Amino acid sequence: MYLFSRRARVAPGKTRAAMTWATEITEKVHQITGLNVSLYAQTFSPEVGTLAWSTFVPDLATLEAATDKLLVDDAYVSMLDAGAEFAMGGADDALLQLVHGEPDPKRLIEYVTTVEAVCANGSVTRGVELGIEIAQRAEKTIGLPVLFATGTTGSYGSVGWFTGYADIGELERAQRALADDSKFGEFVDKNVRGVYAEDPSQTRQLVYRHITIT
């Protein structure tokens, strides 16, 4: 299974119009492709104004078919072009392959936290193995599913952990549980050195809030 996402940053000055456009094009993509595309706003995080569209697909053929449908739909292309007035720079696509966990379509998610890292040179295999174990240990601590994925595009050796929360209270309780679990912290401190790149710019923590489309 793959996780596809597109991120774009909204320029200041037309926030309400930009959010209206973002929700409308999300619904249009769903209508055309049938994919369950979700819209998120980056919150409590760097790059204020960043929006992210994401969807899970079982294989690349499904993603290709959806892309082909969008490219030949004049209404979608017109909406896409109209969004240029709201954007600060271009958009960035990302494609990741899930190697641990899978999304639960029955769970209602309002917040998502992500942790991104890049495996150090010569440590890709170990980075994936350790990433899965970190996800499993985190799940035991917070009592919630933690997805772990490897980057198919972007920086070579990139990996990511993703956790969804029903509300802000659940997010806060999970963060507190991880902070209070000394064994989890000790495991991470002991094992990550030399496995993931130590450049701070290669490791990021972000919070996203789901934008409800009515």
N, C-alpha and C. Protein backbone atom coordinates (compact mmCIF):
# COMPACT_ATOMS: atom_id res chain seq x y z
N MET A 1 0.84 -1.19 0.00
CA MET A 1 0.00 0.00 0.00
C MET A 1 0.87 1.24 0.00
N TYR A 2 0.37 2.29 -0.65
CA TYR A 2 1.13 3.53 -0.77
C TYR A 2 0.34 4.70 -0.18
N LEU A 3 1.09 5.68 0.29
CA LEU A 3 0.53 6.94 0.75
C LEU A 3 1.03 8.04 -0.19
N PHE A 4 0.09 8.67 -0.88
CA PHE A 4 0.44 9.78 -1.78
C PHE A 4 -0.02 11.08 -1.13
N SER A 5 0.82 12.10 -1.20
CA SER A 5 0.43 13.40 -0.65
C SER A 5 0.93 14.52 -1.55
N ARG A 6 0.21 15.62 -1.51
CA ARG A 6 0.61 16.84 -2.21
C ARG A 6 0.53 18.00 -1.22
N ARG A 7 1.62 18.74 -1.09
CA ARG A 7 1.69 19.85 -0.15
C ARG A 7 1.86 21.16 -0.91
N ALA A 8 1.14 22.18 -0.48
CA ALA A 8 1.27 23.52 -1.06
C ALA A 8 1.06 24.54 0.05
N ARG A 9 1.71 25.67 -0.09
CA ARG A 9 1.61 26.71 0.94
C ARG A 9 0.78 27.88 0.42
N VAL A 10 -0.19 28.29 1.22
CA VAL A 10 -1.08 29.37 0.83
C VAL A 10 -0.41 30.71 1.12
N ALA A 11 -0.44 31.60 0.14
CA ALA A 11 0.12 32.95 0.33
C ALA A 11 -0.81 33.77 1.21
N PRO A 12 -0.26 34.68 2.00
CA PRO A 12 -1.12 35.51 2.85
C PRO A 12 -1.97 36.48 2.03
N GLY A 13 -3.11 36.85 2.60
CA GLY A 13 -3.94 37.86 1.95
C GLY A 13 -5.29 37.38 1.46
N LYS A 14 -5.41 36.07 1.15
CA LYS A 14 -6.68 35.54 0.64
C LYS A 14 -6.98 34.20 1.30
N THR A 15 -6.87 34.17 2.62
CA THR A 15 -6.98 32.90 3.34
C THR A 15 -8.34 32.23 3.14
N ARG A 16 -9.43 32.97 3.32
CA ARG A 16 -10.75 32.35 3.21
C ARG A 16 -11.02 31.85 1.80
N ALA A 17 -10.67 32.65 0.82
CA ALA A 17 -10.87 32.22 -0.56
C ALA A 17 -10.03 31.00 -0.88
N ALA A 18 -8.81 30.98 -0.35
CA ALA A 18 -7.91 29.85 -0.60
C ALA A 18 -8.46 28.57 0.03
N MET A 19 -9.01 28.66 1.24
CA MET A 19 -9.55 27.47 1.89
C MET A 19 -10.80 26.98 1.19
N THR A 20 -11.61 27.91 0.68
CA THR A 20 -12.79 27.50 -0.10
C THR A 20 -12.36 26.75 -1.35
N TRP A 21 -11.36 27.29 -2.04
CA TRP A 21 -10.85 26.61 -3.24
C TRP A 21 -10.29 25.24 -2.88
N ALA A 22 -9.54 25.15 -1.78
CA ALA A 22 -8.91 23.89 -1.39
C ALA A 22 -9.93 22.81 -1.10
N THR A 23 -11.00 23.16 -0.40
CA THR A 23 -12.03 22.16 -0.09
C THR A 23 -12.80 21.76 -1.35
N GLU A 24 -13.04 22.73 -2.24
CA GLU A 24 -13.78 22.42 -3.46
C GLU A 24 -12.99 21.51 -4.40
N ILE A 25 -11.70 21.75 -4.53
CA ILE A 25 -10.91 20.91 -5.43
C ILE A 25 -10.71 19.52 -4.82
N THR A 26 -10.70 19.43 -3.50
CA THR A 26 -10.63 18.12 -2.85
C THR A 26 -11.85 17.29 -3.20
N GLU A 27 -13.02 17.91 -3.11
CA GLU A 27 -14.25 17.21 -3.44
C GLU A 27 -14.29 16.84 -4.93
N LYS A 28 -13.77 17.73 -5.78
CA LYS A 28 -13.74 17.45 -7.22
C LYS A 28 -12.86 16.23 -7.52
N VAL A 29 -11.71 16.14 -6.88
CA VAL A 29 -10.82 14.99 -7.07
C VAL A 29 -11.52 13.71 -6.65
N HIS A 30 -12.23 13.77 -5.54
CA HIS A 30 -12.96 12.58 -5.08
C HIS A 30 -14.03 12.16 -6.09
N GLN A 31 -14.75 13.14 -6.61
CA GLN A 31 -15.80 12.85 -7.59
C GLN A 31 -15.24 12.21 -8.86
N ILE A 32 -14.09 12.69 -9.31
CA ILE A 32 -13.52 12.21 -10.56
C ILE A 32 -12.85 10.84 -10.40
N THR A 33 -12.11 10.68 -9.32
CA THR A 33 -11.28 9.48 -9.17
C THR A 33 -11.89 8.41 -8.28
N GLY A 34 -12.78 8.80 -7.37
CA GLY A 34 -13.31 7.84 -6.41
C GLY A 34 -12.38 7.60 -5.24
N LEU A 35 -11.22 8.24 -5.24
CA LEU A 35 -10.28 8.07 -4.14
C LEU A 35 -10.73 8.87 -2.92
N ASN A 36 -10.45 8.32 -1.74
CA ASN A 36 -10.78 9.01 -0.49
C ASN A 36 -9.64 9.97 -0.15
N VAL A 37 -9.70 11.16 -0.74
CA VAL A 37 -8.65 12.15 -0.54
C VAL A 37 -9.01 13.04 0.65
N SER A 38 -8.08 13.21 1.57
CA SER A 38 -8.29 14.04 2.75
C SER A 38 -7.46 15.30 2.65
N LEU A 39 -8.00 16.39 3.19
CA LEU A 39 -7.31 17.68 3.21
C LEU A 39 -6.92 18.01 4.63
N TYR A 40 -5.64 18.37 4.81
CA TYR A 40 -5.12 18.73 6.12
C TYR A 40 -4.44 20.09 6.07
N ALA A 41 -4.46 20.78 7.20
CA ALA A 41 -3.70 22.03 7.34
C ALA A 41 -2.60 21.80 8.37
N GLN A 42 -1.40 22.19 8.01
CA GLN A 42 -0.28 22.06 8.94
C GLN A 42 -0.50 23.04 10.08
N THR A 43 -0.43 22.57 11.32
CA THR A 43 -0.72 23.41 12.47
C THR A 43 0.29 23.19 13.59
N PHE A 44 0.49 24.21 14.42
CA PHE A 44 1.49 24.16 15.50
C PHE A 44 2.87 23.83 14.95
N SER A 45 3.14 24.13 13.70
CA SER A 45 4.33 23.66 13.02
C SER A 45 4.93 24.76 12.14
N PRO A 46 6.15 24.55 11.65
CA PRO A 46 6.74 25.51 10.72
C PRO A 46 5.92 25.63 9.44
N GLU A 47 6.25 26.64 8.65
CA GLU A 47 5.61 26.85 7.34
C GLU A 47 4.10 27.01 7.48
N VAL A 48 3.71 28.03 8.25
CA VAL A 48 2.29 28.32 8.45
C VAL A 48 1.62 28.54 7.10
N GLY A 49 0.42 28.00 6.96
CA GLY A 49 -0.33 28.14 5.72
C GLY A 49 -0.17 26.95 4.79
N THR A 50 0.55 25.91 5.23
CA THR A 50 0.76 24.73 4.39
C THR A 50 -0.46 23.82 4.44
N LEU A 51 -0.93 23.44 3.28
CA LEU A 51 -2.02 22.47 3.15
C LEU A 51 -1.47 21.18 2.57
N ALA A 52 -2.10 20.06 2.93
CA ALA A 52 -1.66 18.76 2.42
C ALA A 52 -2.88 17.93 2.05
N TRP A 53 -2.86 17.42 0.83
CA TRP A 53 -3.87 16.45 0.38
C TRP A 53 -3.24 15.06 0.43
N SER A 54 -3.94 14.09 0.95
CA SER A 54 -3.35 12.76 1.05
C SER A 54 -4.39 11.69 0.77
N THR A 55 -3.91 10.56 0.27
CA THR A 55 -4.77 9.41 0.04
C THR A 55 -3.93 8.14 0.05
N PHE A 56 -4.55 7.06 0.47
CA PHE A 56 -3.90 5.75 0.43
C PHE A 56 -4.41 5.00 -0.81
N VAL A 57 -3.49 4.33 -1.49
CA VAL A 57 -3.86 3.53 -2.66
C VAL A 57 -3.21 2.15 -2.52
N PRO A 58 -3.89 1.10 -3.03
CA PRO A 58 -3.34 -0.25 -2.87
C PRO A 58 -2.12 -0.51 -3.73
N ASP A 59 -2.02 0.20 -4.87
CA ASP A 59 -0.89 -0.02 -5.78
C ASP A 59 -0.72 1.21 -6.67
N LEU A 60 0.39 1.23 -7.39
CA LEU A 60 0.70 2.37 -8.24
C LEU A 60 -0.22 2.46 -9.45
N ALA A 61 -0.74 1.32 -9.91
CA ALA A 61 -1.67 1.33 -11.03
C ALA A 61 -2.92 2.15 -10.68
N THR A 62 -3.38 2.04 -9.45
CA THR A 62 -4.55 2.80 -9.00
C THR A 62 -4.24 4.29 -9.01
N LEU A 63 -3.06 4.66 -8.56
CA LEU A 63 -2.66 6.06 -8.55
C LEU A 63 -2.51 6.59 -9.97
N GLU A 64 -1.95 5.79 -10.85
CA GLU A 64 -1.79 6.19 -12.25
C GLU A 64 -3.15 6.42 -12.91
N ALA A 65 -4.08 5.51 -12.67
CA ALA A 65 -5.41 5.64 -13.26
C ALA A 65 -6.10 6.90 -12.78
N ALA A 66 -5.96 7.20 -11.50
CA ALA A 66 -6.58 8.41 -10.95
C ALA A 66 -5.95 9.66 -11.55
N THR A 67 -4.64 9.66 -11.69
CA THR A 67 -3.94 10.80 -12.28
C THR A 67 -4.37 11.02 -13.71
N ASP A 68 -4.50 9.94 -14.46
CA ASP A 68 -4.92 10.05 -15.86
C ASP A 68 -6.32 10.64 -15.97
N LYS A 69 -7.22 10.24 -15.09
CA LYS A 69 -8.58 10.78 -15.10
C LYS A 69 -8.58 12.28 -14.84
N LEU A 70 -7.74 12.71 -13.91
CA LEU A 70 -7.69 14.13 -13.56
C LEU A 70 -7.14 14.97 -14.71
N LEU A 71 -6.11 14.46 -15.37
CA LEU A 71 -5.45 15.24 -16.41
C LEU A 71 -6.31 15.49 -17.63
N VAL A 72 -7.33 14.66 -17.85
CA VAL A 72 -8.19 14.84 -19.02
C VAL A 72 -9.53 15.47 -18.65
N ASP A 73 -9.69 15.85 -17.38
CA ASP A 73 -10.93 16.47 -16.95
C ASP A 73 -10.77 17.99 -16.97
N ASP A 74 -11.45 18.65 -17.88
CA ASP A 74 -11.29 20.09 -18.06
C ASP A 74 -11.70 20.89 -16.82
N ALA A 75 -12.74 20.45 -16.13
CA ALA A 75 -13.19 21.17 -14.94
C ALA A 75 -12.12 21.13 -13.85
N TYR A 76 -11.51 19.97 -13.68
CA TYR A 76 -10.44 19.87 -12.68
C TYR A 76 -9.25 20.74 -13.05
N VAL A 77 -8.83 20.67 -14.30
CA VAL A 77 -7.67 21.44 -14.73
C VAL A 77 -7.92 22.94 -14.56
N SER A 78 -9.14 23.37 -14.85
CA SER A 78 -9.48 24.78 -14.67
C SER A 78 -9.41 25.18 -13.20
N MET A 79 -9.91 24.30 -12.32
CA MET A 79 -9.85 24.59 -10.89
C MET A 79 -8.39 24.61 -10.41
N LEU A 80 -7.58 23.70 -10.94
CA LEU A 80 -6.18 23.65 -10.56
C LEU A 80 -5.48 24.95 -10.96
N ASP A 81 -5.75 25.41 -12.17
CA ASP A 81 -5.15 26.67 -12.63
C ASP A 81 -5.61 27.85 -11.79
N ALA A 82 -6.87 27.83 -11.39
CA ALA A 82 -7.41 28.93 -10.59
C ALA A 82 -6.73 29.03 -9.23
N GLY A 83 -6.25 27.91 -8.74
CA GLY A 83 -5.59 27.91 -7.44
C GLY A 83 -4.23 28.57 -7.42
N ALA A 84 -3.70 28.86 -8.61
CA ALA A 84 -2.37 29.47 -8.68
C ALA A 84 -2.32 30.81 -7.96
N GLU A 85 -3.43 31.55 -7.94
CA GLU A 85 -3.44 32.87 -7.30
C GLU A 85 -3.30 32.79 -5.79
N PHE A 86 -3.54 31.62 -5.21
CA PHE A 86 -3.47 31.47 -3.76
C PHE A 86 -2.14 30.88 -3.29
N ALA A 87 -1.34 30.39 -4.22
CA ALA A 87 -0.16 29.62 -3.83
C ALA A 87 1.07 30.48 -3.59
N MET A 88 1.86 30.06 -2.63
CA MET A 88 3.18 30.65 -2.39
C MET A 88 4.20 29.65 -2.93
N GLY A 89 4.62 29.84 -4.18
CA GLY A 89 5.51 28.88 -4.82
C GLY A 89 4.72 27.71 -5.38
N GLY A 90 5.41 26.66 -5.77
CA GLY A 90 4.77 25.49 -6.34
C GLY A 90 4.39 24.47 -5.29
N ALA A 91 3.81 23.36 -5.75
CA ALA A 91 3.42 22.26 -4.86
C ALA A 91 4.48 21.16 -4.90
N ASP A 92 4.48 20.33 -3.86
CA ASP A 92 5.40 19.20 -3.78
C ASP A 92 4.61 17.92 -3.57
N ASP A 93 4.91 16.92 -4.38
CA ASP A 93 4.30 15.60 -4.22
C ASP A 93 5.25 14.68 -3.45
N ALA A 94 4.66 13.74 -2.73
CA ALA A 94 5.45 12.72 -2.03
C ALA A 94 4.75 11.38 -2.16
N LEU A 95 5.52 10.34 -2.30
CA LEU A 95 4.98 8.98 -2.40
C LEU A 95 5.76 8.09 -1.45
N LEU A 96 5.04 7.43 -0.54
CA LEU A 96 5.65 6.54 0.44
C LEU A 96 4.97 5.18 0.39
N GLN A 97 5.75 4.14 0.71
CA GLN A 97 5.22 2.78 0.76
C GLN A 97 5.13 2.33 2.21
N LEU A 98 3.94 1.89 2.62
CA LEU A 98 3.77 1.42 3.99
C LEU A 98 4.47 0.09 4.19
N VAL A 99 5.25 -0.01 5.26
CA VAL A 99 5.91 -1.27 5.60
C VAL A 99 5.47 -1.77 6.97
N HIS A 100 4.74 -0.93 7.70
CA HIS A 100 4.18 -1.37 8.99
C HIS A 100 2.86 -0.65 9.22
N GLY A 101 1.83 -1.43 9.53
CA GLY A 101 0.52 -0.87 9.80
C GLY A 101 -0.25 -0.59 8.52
N GLU A 102 -1.51 -0.29 8.70
CA GLU A 102 -2.36 0.08 7.58
C GLU A 102 -3.48 0.98 8.10
N PRO A 103 -4.00 1.86 7.25
CA PRO A 103 -5.04 2.79 7.72
C PRO A 103 -6.34 2.06 8.04
N ASP A 104 -7.05 2.57 9.04
CA ASP A 104 -8.35 2.02 9.41
C ASP A 104 -9.42 3.00 8.93
N PRO A 105 -10.15 2.68 7.88
CA PRO A 105 -11.14 3.61 7.33
C PRO A 105 -12.27 3.93 8.30
N LYS A 106 -12.42 3.13 9.35
CA LYS A 106 -13.50 3.35 10.31
C LYS A 106 -13.12 4.37 11.38
N ARG A 107 -11.82 4.66 11.52
CA ARG A 107 -11.38 5.63 12.52
C ARG A 107 -11.58 7.05 12.02
N LEU A 108 -12.15 7.89 12.86
CA LEU A 108 -12.30 9.31 12.54
C LEU A 108 -11.07 10.04 13.03
N ILE A 109 -10.33 10.65 12.11
CA ILE A 109 -9.07 11.29 12.44
C ILE A 109 -9.20 12.80 12.30
N GLU A 110 -8.86 13.52 13.36
CA GLU A 110 -8.84 14.99 13.28
C GLU A 110 -7.42 15.52 13.22
N TYR A 111 -6.50 14.86 13.91
CA TYR A 111 -5.10 15.29 13.92
C TYR A 111 -4.19 14.15 13.50
N VAL A 112 -3.08 14.50 12.88
CA VAL A 112 -2.05 13.54 12.51
C VAL A 112 -0.70 14.13 12.86
N THR A 113 0.14 13.33 13.50
CA THR A 113 1.53 13.74 13.72
C THR A 113 2.43 12.92 12.81
N THR A 114 3.45 13.58 12.30
CA THR A 114 4.42 12.88 11.45
C THR A 114 5.82 13.14 11.97
N VAL A 115 6.66 12.15 11.85
CA VAL A 115 8.09 12.28 12.13
C VAL A 115 8.82 11.79 10.89
N GLU A 116 9.65 12.64 10.32
CA GLU A 116 10.37 12.31 9.10
C GLU A 116 11.86 12.22 9.40
N ALA A 117 12.52 11.25 8.80
CA ALA A 117 13.96 11.09 8.96
C ALA A 117 14.54 10.52 7.67
N VAL A 118 15.85 10.51 7.58
CA VAL A 118 16.54 9.93 6.42
C VAL A 118 17.60 8.96 6.94
N CYS A 119 17.63 7.77 6.39
CA CYS A 119 18.61 6.78 6.81
C CYS A 119 20.02 7.26 6.44
N ALA A 120 20.97 6.99 7.32
CA ALA A 120 22.35 7.34 7.05
C ALA A 120 22.90 6.44 5.94
N ASN A 121 23.94 6.91 5.28
CA ASN A 121 24.57 6.12 4.22
C ASN A 121 24.97 4.74 4.76
N GLY A 122 24.57 3.70 4.04
CA GLY A 122 24.92 2.34 4.45
C GLY A 122 24.02 1.75 5.51
N SER A 123 22.96 2.48 5.88
CA SER A 123 22.11 2.00 6.98
C SER A 123 20.63 1.92 6.60
N VAL A 124 20.35 1.80 5.31
CA VAL A 124 18.95 1.79 4.89
C VAL A 124 18.21 0.57 5.45
N THR A 125 18.80 -0.60 5.32
CA THR A 125 18.13 -1.81 5.80
C THR A 125 17.92 -1.74 7.31
N ARG A 126 18.95 -1.34 8.04
CA ARG A 126 18.83 -1.21 9.49
C ARG A 126 17.84 -0.12 9.86
N GLY A 127 17.80 0.95 9.06
CA GLY A 127 16.86 2.03 9.33
C GLY A 127 15.43 1.59 9.22
N VAL A 128 15.14 0.74 8.25
CA VAL A 128 13.78 0.22 8.09
C VAL A 128 13.44 -0.73 9.24
N GLU A 129 14.36 -1.62 9.57
CA GLU A 129 14.12 -2.56 10.68
C GLU A 129 13.88 -1.82 11.98
N LEU A 130 14.74 -0.83 12.25
CA LEU A 130 14.60 -0.06 13.48
C LEU A 130 13.33 0.78 13.46
N GLY A 131 12.99 1.32 12.30
CA GLY A 131 11.78 2.12 12.19
C GLY A 131 10.54 1.33 12.54
N ILE A 132 10.49 0.09 12.10
CA ILE A 132 9.35 -0.77 12.43
C ILE A 132 9.29 -1.03 13.93
N GLU A 133 10.45 -1.29 14.52
CA GLU A 133 10.47 -1.56 15.97
C GLU A 133 10.08 -0.33 16.77
N ILE A 134 10.52 0.84 16.34
CA ILE A 134 10.13 2.08 17.02
C ILE A 134 8.61 2.25 16.94
N ALA A 135 8.04 1.99 15.78
CA ALA A 135 6.60 2.11 15.61
C ALA A 135 5.86 1.15 16.54
N GLN A 136 6.34 -0.08 16.63
CA GLN A 136 5.70 -1.07 17.48
C GLN A 136 5.78 -0.69 18.95
N ARG A 137 6.93 -0.18 19.37
CA ARG A 137 7.09 0.25 20.77
C ARG A 137 6.21 1.46 21.07
N ALA A 138 6.13 2.37 20.12
CA ALA A 138 5.28 3.55 20.32
C ALA A 138 3.82 3.15 20.44
N GLU A 139 3.40 2.18 19.64
CA GLU A 139 2.02 1.70 19.70
C GLU A 139 1.69 1.16 21.09
N LYS A 140 2.61 0.41 21.68
CA LYS A 140 2.38 -0.15 23.01
C LYS A 140 2.26 0.95 24.05
N THR A 141 3.02 2.01 23.87
CA THR A 141 3.02 3.10 24.85
C THR A 141 1.77 3.95 24.75
N ILE A 142 1.35 4.30 23.54
CA ILE A 142 0.24 5.23 23.39
C ILE A 142 -1.10 4.55 23.14
N GLY A 143 -1.06 3.25 22.80
CA GLY A 143 -2.30 2.53 22.56
C GLY A 143 -3.01 2.90 21.27
N LEU A 144 -2.25 3.42 20.30
CA LEU A 144 -2.81 3.82 19.02
C LEU A 144 -1.95 3.27 17.89
N PRO A 145 -2.54 3.07 16.71
CA PRO A 145 -1.74 2.59 15.57
C PRO A 145 -0.70 3.62 15.13
N VAL A 146 0.48 3.15 14.81
CA VAL A 146 1.55 4.00 14.27
C VAL A 146 1.99 3.39 12.94
N LEU A 147 1.79 4.13 11.87
CA LEU A 147 2.21 3.65 10.55
C LEU A 147 3.67 4.02 10.33
N PHE A 148 4.39 3.13 9.65
CA PHE A 148 5.78 3.41 9.29
C PHE A 148 5.92 3.17 7.79
N ALA A 149 6.55 4.13 7.11
CA ALA A 149 6.63 4.06 5.65
C ALA A 149 8.01 4.47 5.18
N THR A 150 8.38 3.98 4.00
CA THR A 150 9.63 4.36 3.37
C THR A 150 9.34 5.22 2.14
N GLY A 151 10.20 6.18 1.89
CA GLY A 151 9.99 7.09 0.78
C GLY A 151 10.28 6.43 -0.57
N THR A 152 9.32 6.53 -1.47
CA THR A 152 9.52 6.07 -2.85
C THR A 152 10.08 7.20 -3.70
N THR A 153 9.75 8.43 -3.31
CA THR A 153 10.30 9.61 -3.95
C THR A 153 10.90 10.51 -2.88
N GLY A 154 11.58 11.57 -3.31
CA GLY A 154 12.22 12.45 -2.34
C GLY A 154 13.62 11.98 -2.01
N SER A 155 14.11 12.36 -0.84
CA SER A 155 15.46 11.99 -0.42
C SER A 155 15.60 10.48 -0.34
N TYR A 156 16.69 9.96 -0.91
CA TYR A 156 16.91 8.51 -0.85
C TYR A 156 17.10 8.08 0.60
N GLY A 157 16.41 7.01 0.98
CA GLY A 157 16.50 6.51 2.34
C GLY A 157 15.56 7.21 3.31
N SER A 158 14.64 8.02 2.79
CA SER A 158 13.71 8.73 3.68
C SER A 158 12.69 7.76 4.27
N VAL A 159 12.30 8.02 5.51
CA VAL A 159 11.31 7.20 6.22
C VAL A 159 10.40 8.13 7.01
N GLY A 160 9.27 7.59 7.45
CA GLY A 160 8.36 8.41 8.23
C GLY A 160 7.44 7.59 9.11
N TRP A 161 7.08 8.18 10.25
CA TRP A 161 6.13 7.59 11.18
C TRP A 161 4.89 8.48 11.21
N PHE A 162 3.70 7.88 11.19
CA PHE A 162 2.45 8.63 11.11
C PHE A 162 1.47 8.09 12.14
N THR A 163 0.88 8.99 12.93
CA THR A 163 -0.10 8.59 13.93
C THR A 163 -1.31 9.50 13.83
N GLY A 164 -2.51 8.91 13.80
CA GLY A 164 -3.74 9.68 13.74
C GLY A 164 -4.42 9.73 15.10
N TYR A 165 -5.14 10.83 15.36
CA TYR A 165 -5.80 11.04 16.65
C TYR A 165 -7.23 11.52 16.42
N ALA A 166 -8.13 11.10 17.29
CA ALA A 166 -9.53 11.47 17.17
C ALA A 166 -9.75 12.95 17.48
N ASP A 167 -8.93 13.50 18.38
CA ASP A 167 -9.07 14.91 18.76
C ASP A 167 -7.78 15.37 19.41
N ILE A 168 -7.74 16.63 19.80
CA ILE A 168 -6.52 17.21 20.35
C ILE A 168 -6.19 16.61 21.71
N GLY A 169 -7.23 16.20 22.45
CA GLY A 169 -6.99 15.57 23.74
C GLY A 169 -6.25 14.26 23.60
N GLU A 170 -6.64 13.46 22.62
CA GLU A 170 -5.97 12.18 22.39
C GLU A 170 -4.53 12.39 21.95
N LEU A 171 -4.30 13.41 21.13
CA LEU A 171 -2.93 13.74 20.71
C LEU A 171 -2.08 14.11 21.93
N GLU A 172 -2.61 14.96 22.79
CA GLU A 172 -1.85 15.40 23.97
C GLU A 172 -1.55 14.23 24.90
N ARG A 173 -2.52 13.36 25.11
CA ARG A 173 -2.29 12.21 26.00
C ARG A 173 -1.21 11.30 25.43
N ALA A 174 -1.21 11.10 24.12
CA ALA A 174 -0.21 10.24 23.49
C ALA A 174 1.18 10.85 23.61
N GLN A 175 1.30 12.15 23.39
CA GLN A 175 2.59 12.81 23.51
C GLN A 175 3.11 12.73 24.94
N ARG A 176 2.22 12.90 25.89
CA ARG A 176 2.63 12.81 27.29
C ARG A 176 3.06 11.39 27.64
N ALA A 177 2.35 10.40 27.11
CA ALA A 177 2.70 9.00 27.40
C ALA A 177 4.09 8.68 26.87
N LEU A 178 4.42 9.16 25.67
CA LEU A 178 5.75 8.91 25.11
C LEU A 178 6.82 9.60 25.94
N ALA A 179 6.52 10.84 26.37
CA ALA A 179 7.50 11.59 27.16
C ALA A 179 7.75 10.94 28.52
N ASP A 180 6.70 10.30 29.07
CA ASP A 180 6.82 9.68 30.40
C ASP A 180 7.39 8.27 30.35
N ASP A 181 7.47 7.69 29.17
CA ASP A 181 7.96 6.32 29.03
C ASP A 181 9.49 6.35 28.88
N SER A 182 10.19 6.23 29.98
CA SER A 182 11.64 6.34 29.95
C SER A 182 12.28 5.21 29.14
N LYS A 183 11.67 4.02 29.16
CA LYS A 183 12.22 2.90 28.40
C LYS A 183 12.16 3.16 26.90
N PHE A 184 11.07 3.81 26.45
CA PHE A 184 10.96 4.14 25.03
C PHE A 184 12.05 5.14 24.66
N GLY A 185 12.22 6.17 25.46
CA GLY A 185 13.24 7.17 25.19
C GLY A 185 14.64 6.58 25.19
N GLU A 186 14.90 5.70 26.15
CA GLU A 186 16.22 5.07 26.23
C GLU A 186 16.48 4.19 25.01
N PHE A 187 15.44 3.49 24.55
CA PHE A 187 15.61 2.64 23.37
C PHE A 187 15.95 3.47 22.15
N VAL A 188 15.24 4.57 21.96
CA VAL A 188 15.51 5.44 20.82
C VAL A 188 16.92 6.02 20.91
N ASP A 189 17.28 6.56 22.07
CA ASP A 189 18.60 7.17 22.24
C ASP A 189 19.73 6.17 21.99
N LYS A 190 19.52 4.94 22.40
CA LYS A 190 20.57 3.92 22.30
C LYS A 190 20.75 3.41 20.87
N ASN A 191 19.67 3.42 20.09
CA ASN A 191 19.71 2.72 18.80
C ASN A 191 19.77 3.58 17.56
N VAL A 192 19.35 4.83 17.64
CA VAL A 192 19.24 5.60 16.39
C VAL A 192 20.57 6.17 15.91
N ARG A 193 21.54 6.35 16.81
CA ARG A 193 22.81 6.97 16.41
C ARG A 193 23.48 6.16 15.30
N GLY A 194 23.82 6.83 14.23
CA GLY A 194 24.48 6.18 13.11
C GLY A 194 23.54 5.49 12.13
N VAL A 195 22.26 5.38 12.53
CA VAL A 195 21.28 4.72 11.66
C VAL A 195 20.56 5.75 10.80
N TYR A 196 20.21 6.89 11.42
CA TYR A 196 19.55 7.97 10.70
C TYR A 196 20.48 9.18 10.64
N ALA A 197 20.35 9.96 9.58
CA ALA A 197 21.20 11.14 9.40
C ALA A 197 21.01 12.08 10.58
N GLU A 198 22.12 12.62 11.08
CA GLU A 198 22.06 13.49 12.26
C GLU A 198 21.88 14.96 11.90
N ASP A 199 21.85 15.28 10.63
CA ASP A 199 21.58 16.64 10.20
C ASP A 199 20.16 17.03 10.62
N PRO A 200 20.00 18.06 11.47
CA PRO A 200 18.66 18.44 11.96
C PRO A 200 17.68 18.74 10.83
N SER A 201 18.17 19.22 9.70
CA SER A 201 17.27 19.55 8.59
C SER A 201 16.65 18.31 7.97
N GLN A 202 17.22 17.13 8.25
CA GLN A 202 16.71 15.88 7.69
C GLN A 202 15.66 15.21 8.58
N THR A 203 15.47 15.76 9.79
CA THR A 203 14.52 15.17 10.74
C THR A 203 13.50 16.23 11.13
N ARG A 204 12.22 15.95 10.90
CA ARG A 204 11.18 16.93 11.19
C ARG A 204 9.99 16.28 11.88
N GLN A 205 9.38 17.04 12.79
CA GLN A 205 8.12 16.64 13.42
C GLN A 205 7.06 17.67 13.03
N LEU A 206 5.92 17.20 12.56
CA LEU A 206 4.86 18.10 12.12
C LEU A 206 3.51 17.62 12.65
N VAL A 207 2.59 18.57 12.78
CA VAL A 207 1.22 18.25 13.18
C VAL A 207 0.29 18.77 12.10
N TYR A 208 -0.68 17.94 11.73
CA TYR A 208 -1.68 18.32 10.73
C TYR A 208 -3.08 18.20 11.34
N ARG A 209 -3.95 19.11 10.93
CA ARG A 209 -5.35 19.03 11.36
C ARG A 209 -6.23 18.81 10.14
N HIS A 210 -7.15 17.87 10.26
CA HIS A 210 -8.04 17.53 9.15
C HIS A 210 -9.03 18.65 8.89
N ILE A 211 -9.19 19.00 7.64
CA ILE A 211 -10.17 20.02 7.25
C ILE A 211 -11.42 19.29 6.77
N THR A 212 -12.51 19.48 7.50
CA THR A 212 -13.76 18.81 7.18
C THR A 212 -14.42 19.46 5.98
N ILE A 213 -14.85 18.65 5.03
CA ILE A 213 -15.54 19.15 3.85
C ILE A 213 -17.02 18.86 4.00
N THR A 214 -17.82 19.91 4.02
CA THR A 214 -19.27 19.74 4.22
C THR A 214 -20.02 19.98 2.92
